[in-house]
C-alpha atoms as a PDB file:
ATOM      1  CA  MET A   1      10.141  -8.848   4.690  1.00  0.00           C
ATOM      2  CA  GLY A   2       8.820  -6.150   7.007  1.00  0.00           C
ATOM      3  CA  ILE A   3       5.104  -4.787   7.193  1.00  0.00           C
ATOM      4  CA  LYS A   4       6.071  -1.866   5.490  1.00  0.00           C
ATOM      5  CA  ASP A   5       7.809  -3.577   2.555  1.00  0.00           C
ATOM      6  CA  ALA A   6       4.487  -5.603   2.266  1.00  0.00           C
ATOM      7  CA  ILE A   7       2.392  -2.704   2.175  1.00  0.00           C
ATOM      8  CA  ALA A   8       4.482  -1.176  -0.393  1.00  0.00           C
ATOM      9  CA  LEU A   9       4.400  -4.801  -2.507  1.00  0.00           C
ATOM     10  CA  ARG A  10       0.902  -5.028  -2.189  1.00  0.00           C
ATOM     11  CA  VAL A  11       0.051  -1.427  -3.150  1.00  0.00           C
ATOM     12  CA  GLN A  12       2.308  -1.784  -6.188  1.00  0.00           C
ATOM     13  CA  ASN A  13       0.554  -5.287  -6.842  1.00  0.00           C
ATOM     14  CA  LEU A  14      -2.862  -4.097  -6.875  1.00  0.00           C
ATOM     15  CA  CYS A  15      -1.674  -1.163  -9.379  1.00  0.00           C
ATOM     16  CA  ASP A  16      -0.777  -4.054 -11.680  1.00  0.00           C
ATOM     17  CA  GLU A  17      -3.857  -5.710 -10.938  1.00  0.00           C
ATOM     18  CA  HIS A  18      -6.062  -2.669 -11.545  1.00  0.00           C
ATOM     19  CA  ASN A  19      -3.784  -1.634 -14.454  1.00  0.00           C
ATOM     20  CA  ILE A  20      -3.520   2.114 -12.798  1.00  0.00           C
ATOM     21  CA  THR A  21      -0.859   4.052 -12.447  1.00  0.00           C
ATOM     22  CA  ILE A  22       0.484   5.466  -9.153  1.00  0.00           C
ATOM     23  CA  CYS A  23      -0.817   8.856 -10.169  1.00  0.00           C
ATOM     24  CA  LYS A  24      -4.374   7.791 -10.728  1.00  0.00           C
ATOM     25  CA  LEU A  25      -4.262   5.619  -7.491  1.00  0.00           C
ATOM     26  CA  ALA A  26      -3.564   9.242  -5.817  1.00  0.00           C
ATOM     27  CA  THR A  27      -6.129  10.659  -7.257  1.00  0.00           C
ATOM     28  CA  ASN A  28      -8.600   7.933  -6.860  1.00  0.00           C
ATOM     29  CA  SER A  29      -7.672   7.832  -3.097  1.00  0.00           C
ATOM     30  CA  GLY A  30      -7.576  11.389  -2.392  1.00  0.00           C
ATOM     31  CA  LEU A  31      -3.843  11.347  -1.655  1.00  0.00           C
ATOM     32  CA  SER A  32      -0.813  13.602  -3.080  1.00  0.00           C
ATOM     33  CA  ARG A  33       1.458  11.744  -5.583  1.00  0.00           C
ATOM     34  CA  SER A  34       4.188  12.554  -3.053  1.00  0.00           C
ATOM     35  CA  THR A  35       2.440  10.846  -0.378  1.00  0.00           C
ATOM     36  CA  ILE A  36       2.122   7.560  -2.437  1.00  0.00           C
ATOM     37  CA  TYR A  37       5.570   7.655  -3.353  1.00  0.00           C
ATOM     38  CA  SER A  38       7.109   8.402   0.116  1.00  0.00           C
ATOM     39  CA  MET A  39       5.405   4.908   1.180  1.00  0.00           C
ATOM     40  CA  LEU A  40       6.976   3.290  -1.831  1.00  0.00           C
ATOM     41  CA  GLU A  41      10.480   4.476  -1.441  1.00  0.00           C
ATOM     42  CA  PRO A  42      12.441   1.926   0.400  1.00  0.00           C
ATOM     43  CA  GLU A  43      14.462   4.539   2.201  1.00  0.00           C
ATOM     44  CA  ARG A  44      10.930   6.558   3.655  1.00  0.00           C
ATOM     45  CA  ARG A  45       8.251   3.767   3.645  1.00  0.00           C
ATOM     46  CA  ASP A  46       5.878   6.422   5.428  1.00  0.00           C
ATOM     47  CA  VAL A  47       2.968   4.245   6.097  1.00  0.00           C
ATOM     48  CA  SER A  48      -0.112   5.000   8.471  1.00  0.00           C
ATOM     49  CA  ALA A  49      -3.401   3.111   9.253  1.00  0.00           C
ATOM     50  CA  VAL A  50      -5.431   6.214   7.541  1.00  0.00           C
ATOM     51  CA  LEU A  51      -2.857   6.060   4.591  1.00  0.00           C
ATOM     52  CA  VAL A  52      -3.803   2.212   3.961  1.00  0.00           C
ATOM     53  CA  LYS A  53      -7.219   2.963   4.313  1.00  0.00           C
ATOM     54  CA  LYS A  54      -7.594   5.496   1.818  1.00  0.00           C
ATOM     55  CA  ILE A  55      -5.529   3.512  -0.588  1.00  0.00           C
ATOM     56  CA  CYS A  56      -8.198   0.844  -0.179  1.00  0.00           C
ATOM     57  CA  ASP A  57     -10.774   3.430  -0.706  1.00  0.00           C
ATOM     58  CA  GLY A  58      -8.851   4.412  -4.020  1.00  0.00           C
ATOM     59  CA  PHE A  59      -9.071   0.702  -5.045  1.00  0.00           C
ATOM     60  CA  GLY A  60     -12.501   0.110  -3.967  1.00  0.00           C
ATOM     61  CA  ILE A  61     -11.688  -2.599  -1.844  1.00  0.00           C
ATOM     62  CA  THR A  62     -11.950  -3.132   2.111  1.00  0.00           C
ATOM     63  CA  ILE A  63      -9.062  -3.402   4.353  1.00  0.00           C
ATOM     64  CA  ILE A  64      -9.376  -7.117   4.859  1.00  0.00           C
ATOM     65  CA  ASP A  65      -9.140  -7.723   1.098  1.00  0.00           C
ATOM     66  CA  PHE A  66      -6.262  -5.703   1.330  1.00  0.00           C
ATOM     67  CA  TYR A  67      -4.285  -7.524   3.932  1.00  0.00           C
ATOM     68  CA  ASN A  68      -5.837 -10.772   2.931  1.00  0.00           C
ATOM     69  CA  SER A  69      -2.973 -11.445   0.629  1.00  0.00           C
ATOM     70  CA  PRO A  70       0.115 -13.732   0.379  1.00  0.00           C
ATOM     71  CA  GLU A  71       2.317 -10.550   0.922  1.00  0.00           C
ATOM     72  CA  PHE A  72       1.171 -10.433   4.764  1.00  0.00           C
ATOM     73  CA  TYR A  73       1.443 -14.475   5.340  1.00  0.00           C
ATOM     74  CA  ASP A  74       4.952 -14.729   6.482  1.00  0.00           C
ATOM     75  CA  LEU A  75       6.162 -11.402   7.914  1.00  0.00           C
ATOM     76  CA  GLU A  76       9.111 -11.322   9.600  1.00  0.00           C
ATOM     77  CA  GLN A  77       8.943 -10.196  13.717  1.00  0.00           C
ATOM     78  CA  GLU A  78       9.290  -6.611  13.907  1.00  0.00           C
ATOM     79  CA  ILE A  79      10.714  -6.566  17.563  1.00  0.00           C
ATOM     80  CA  LYS A  80      14.059  -7.063  17.633  1.00  0.00           C
END
């Protein structure tokens, strides 16, 4: 799994854990729904460090909490 896929999976898992929808996450994060959905769509996966930080703020967690998760433990090498 690549980093963008891991981030999308982590966001989906956190929504499940916090029992919130993507729409509620967007509101909590100060982002549009389309921004969140563009990050989750496999064809697009538009992800940036600022976006991840805003999502963390929306969940009320730190960046460390976000990345300290099994989704990130065995990532594929991105250099091809």
